[in-house]
Amino acid sequence: MFNAPINEPHGKLDRLQLVALAGLMLVGTAFVYSATMANATAATLPWYDQSWVRQIVWYALGIGAGAALCLVDYHTLSRWSFVAYWATIFCLVAVMIPHIGSMRFGARRWIDLGFFQFQPSEFAKLAFILAMAHFLSRPEDELRQMSVFWKGIGLLLLPFALILKEPDLGSALVLLPTGLVMMFVAGTPKEYLLQLVGAVGLLAVLFLVDVLFLPPGRVTKGPPSSGAARVKATSGTSDGLPASGKSLRNGK
């Protein structure tokens, strides 16, 4: 299914993909319009200062940047892919440093450049795709080596963990299916991927079972400063206060 050379020239555009992209852009603009125009203050602003108009402007800038990127030889992108990858890793670390990363809504995701709010996680997605594509562009025999497989997983988990630390769960979860699908298409043995997915799924099930069916009297303590997560119990008392929750196990 995926035996065709990936560097084979193609003279036609993927029209279906372009139509899907245009549809997403229209739906996104409609959502922004619907969410902002309900505000009476926003409705009185000039049309060029409306949020949905700015959204269209960003679309135009993105299309222009994408078109310019298509003109760059992919060998050049390949050579600079790991430079971009490690640059975004550096930014993901820097954004978590106080006085460098800006704290908003309980998350530290942005670097305030004055004229622009820089969000490293968004650039990390693109840099990861380029770096992973470069890493996987090797003979199929090498892709069957277990060491190469785990190096690819490490390449995926490093930005995933840093983005999750911000926290930005949505952006972090985007990397998982992207990386695994790229490995599958490149020729990574299916049994490696299935074993990995199975092990992660088993750990997730065990975690859910442990959380939902805590035995009576079991107390899970967290850091003193973790607020409501400080002490959890299914029965008994905590800090002198009576427990108010019900155990899912005994229904009491």
Foldseek 3Di string as FASTA:
>chain_A
DLPDDPPDDDDDDPVVVVVVVVVVLVVVLVVLCVVQCVDPVLVPDDPCPHPSNVSVVVVVVVVVVVVVVVVDDLVVLLVCLVVLLVVLLVVLVQQPDPPQFDADPNFGAWGCPPVDTDGSLVSNLVSLLSNLLSLLPDDLVVLADPVSVVVLVVSQVSSLVSCCVSPDNVSSVVSVVSSLVSSVSSNRDPVVVVVVVVVVVVVVVVVVCCVQQPDAPDWDADDPPPPPRGIDGQADDDPPHGDDDHRPVPRD
